[in-house]
Amino acid sequence: MRATGIIRKVDFAGRLVLPPDLCDSLHIERGKDSLEIFVEDDHIILRKYAPACAFCGSFHDLTEFENVKICGNCIKKIAKLKK
């Protein structure tokens, strides 16, 4: 983790505004992209949301089944279990 030197206050509604320069440098498109929120000990971690396979976390060759993303490799493994 690297420090940015950027400090922002949280408003009364609990919102935090990311500086445009930070969004640009991280390729976060304002009004379009989503961020995932993680908590680790006393740290809040924001990460640009990218859908991944529910089983292995892969971002490649994804198929959606009942609102769950599954990659091609995991589909093959599941198919082998059914035999």
C-alpha atoms as a PDB file:
ATOM      1  CA  MET A   1       0.000   0.000   0.000  1.00  0.00           C
ATOM      2  CA  ARG A   2       1.367   3.426  -0.868  1.00  0.00           C
ATOM      3  CA  ALA A   3       0.483   6.776   0.653  1.00  0.00           C
ATOM      4  CA  THR A   4      -1.010   9.428  -1.622  1.00  0.00           C
ATOM      5  CA  GLY A   5      -0.828  12.370   0.774  1.00  0.00           C
ATOM      6  CA  ILE A   6      -4.502  13.074   0.033  1.00  0.00           C
ATOM      7  CA  ILE A   7      -6.780  13.712   3.013  1.00  0.00           C
ATOM      8  CA  ARG A   8     -10.542  14.141   2.690  1.00  0.00           C
ATOM      9  CA  LYS A   9     -13.276  14.626   5.297  1.00  0.00           C
ATOM     10  CA  VAL A  10     -16.252  12.294   5.381  1.00  0.00           C
ATOM     11  CA  ASP A  11     -19.454  14.346   5.116  1.00  0.00           C
ATOM     12  CA  PHE A  12     -22.501  13.984   7.384  1.00  0.00           C
ATOM     13  CA  ALA A  13     -24.052  11.432   5.011  1.00  0.00           C
ATOM     14  CA  GLY A  14     -20.889   9.285   5.223  1.00  0.00           C
ATOM     15  CA  ARG A  15     -19.721  10.207   1.723  1.00  0.00           C
ATOM     16  CA  LEU A  16     -16.163  10.688   0.606  1.00  0.00           C
ATOM     17  CA  VAL A  17     -15.195  12.472  -2.610  1.00  0.00           C
ATOM     18  CA  LEU A  18     -12.251  11.090  -4.567  1.00  0.00           C
ATOM     19  CA  PRO A  19     -10.135  13.780  -6.236  1.00  0.00           C
ATOM     20  CA  PRO A  20     -10.431  13.851 -10.049  1.00  0.00           C
ATOM     21  CA  ASP A  21      -6.645  13.444 -10.423  1.00  0.00           C
ATOM     22  CA  LEU A  22      -6.763  10.237  -8.380  1.00  0.00           C
ATOM     23  CA  CYS A  23      -9.671   8.881 -10.461  1.00  0.00           C
ATOM     24  CA  ASP A  24      -7.810   9.707 -13.663  1.00  0.00           C
ATOM     25  CA  SER A  25      -4.568   8.088 -12.530  1.00  0.00           C
ATOM     26  CA  LEU A  26      -6.434   4.893 -11.516  1.00  0.00           C
ATOM     27  CA  HIS A  27      -8.637   4.909 -14.647  1.00  0.00           C
ATOM     28  CA  ILE A  28     -11.822   5.238 -12.594  1.00  0.00           C
ATOM     29  CA  GLU A  29     -14.517   6.663 -14.849  1.00  0.00           C
ATOM     30  CA  ARG A  30     -16.706   9.010 -12.798  1.00  0.00           C
ATOM     31  CA  GLY A  31     -20.418   8.218 -13.085  1.00  0.00           C
ATOM     32  CA  LYS A  32     -19.717   4.805 -14.617  1.00  0.00           C
ATOM     33  CA  ASP A  33     -17.280   2.642 -12.637  1.00  0.00           C
ATOM     34  CA  SER A  34     -18.035   1.013  -9.294  1.00  0.00           C
ATOM     35  CA  LEU A  35     -15.699   0.454  -6.357  1.00  0.00           C
ATOM     36  CA  GLU A  36     -15.645  -2.538  -4.011  1.00  0.00           C
ATOM     37  CA  ILE A  37     -15.172  -1.838  -0.309  1.00  0.00           C
ATOM     38  CA  PHE A  38     -13.099  -4.170   1.871  1.00  0.00           C
ATOM     39  CA  VAL A  39     -12.262  -3.920   5.547  1.00  0.00           C
ATOM     40  CA  GLU A  40      -9.056  -5.354   6.989  1.00  0.00           C
ATOM     41  CA  ASP A  41      -8.457  -4.683  10.659  1.00  0.00           C
ATOM     42  CA  ASP A  42      -8.802  -0.875  10.903  1.00  0.00           C
ATOM     43  CA  HIS A  43      -8.185  -0.265   7.165  1.00  0.00           C
ATOM     44  CA  ILE A  44     -10.822   0.519   4.539  1.00  0.00           C
ATOM     45  CA  ILE A  45      -9.704  -0.657   1.115  1.00  0.00           C
ATOM     46  CA  LEU A  46     -11.321   0.571  -2.096  1.00  0.00           C
ATOM     47  CA  ARG A  47     -10.782  -1.381  -5.310  1.00  0.00           C
ATOM     48  CA  LYS A  48     -12.184  -0.809  -8.765  1.00  0.00           C
ATOM     49  CA  TYR A  49     -14.894  -3.423  -9.191  1.00  0.00           C
ATOM     50  CA  ALA A  50     -14.255  -6.084 -11.789  1.00  0.00           C
ATOM     51  CA  PRO A  51     -16.530  -9.115 -11.950  1.00  0.00           C
ATOM     52  CA  ALA A  52     -14.652 -12.352 -11.310  1.00  0.00           C
ATOM     53  CA  CYS A  53     -15.375 -16.077 -11.163  1.00  0.00           C
ATOM     54  CA  ALA A  54     -17.185 -16.949  -7.942  1.00  0.00           C
ATOM     55  CA  PHE A  55     -15.023 -20.057  -7.497  1.00  0.00           C
ATOM     56  CA  CYS A  56     -11.464 -19.177  -8.490  1.00  0.00           C
ATOM     57  CA  GLY A  57     -11.456 -15.380  -8.881  1.00  0.00           C
ATOM     58  CA  SER A  58     -10.410 -15.441 -12.555  1.00  0.00           C
ATOM     59  CA  PHE A  59     -11.420 -12.469 -14.720  1.00  0.00           C
ATOM     60  CA  HIS A  60     -11.201 -14.393 -18.021  1.00  0.00           C
ATOM     61  CA  ASP A  61     -13.846 -16.261 -20.065  1.00  0.00           C
ATOM     62  CA  LEU A  62     -16.745 -15.461 -17.708  1.00  0.00           C
ATOM     63  CA  THR A  63     -20.274 -16.768 -18.083  1.00  0.00           C
ATOM     64  CA  GLU A  64     -23.153 -15.674 -15.870  1.00  0.00           C
ATOM     65  CA  PHE A  65     -25.491 -18.302 -14.399  1.00  0.00           C
ATOM     66  CA  GLU A  66     -28.278 -17.128 -12.072  1.00  0.00           C
ATOM     67  CA  ASN A  67     -26.422 -13.873 -11.272  1.00  0.00           C
ATOM     68  CA  VAL A  68     -23.158 -15.724 -10.510  1.00  0.00           C
ATOM     69  CA  LYS A  69     -20.087 -15.330 -12.731  1.00  0.00           C
ATOM     70  CA  ILE A  70     -18.220 -18.572 -13.529  1.00  0.00           C
ATOM     71  CA  CYS A  71     -15.115 -18.946 -15.719  1.00  0.00           C
ATOM     72  CA  GLY A  72     -14.730 -21.552 -18.447  1.00  0.00           C
ATOM     73  CA  ASN A  73     -12.185 -23.591 -16.448  1.00  0.00           C
ATOM     74  CA  CYS A  74     -14.521 -23.911 -13.468  1.00  0.00           C
ATOM     75  CA  ILE A  75     -17.430 -24.837 -15.737  1.00  0.00           C
ATOM     76  CA  LYS A  76     -15.265 -27.668 -17.134  1.00  0.00           C
ATOM     77  CA  LYS A  77     -14.359 -28.824 -13.610  1.00  0.00           C
ATOM     78  CA  ILE A  78     -18.039 -28.805 -12.576  1.00  0.00           C
ATOM     79  CA  ALA A  79     -18.984 -30.755 -15.705  1.00  0.00           C
ATOM     80  CA  LYS A  80     -16.377 -33.412 -14.810  1.00  0.00           C
ATOM     81  CA  LEU A  81     -17.908 -33.791 -11.326  1.00  0.00           C
ATOM     82  CA  LYS A  82     -21.287 -34.643 -12.841  1.00  0.00           C
ATOM     83  CA  LYS A  83     -19.858 -37.611 -14.837  1.00  0.00           C
END
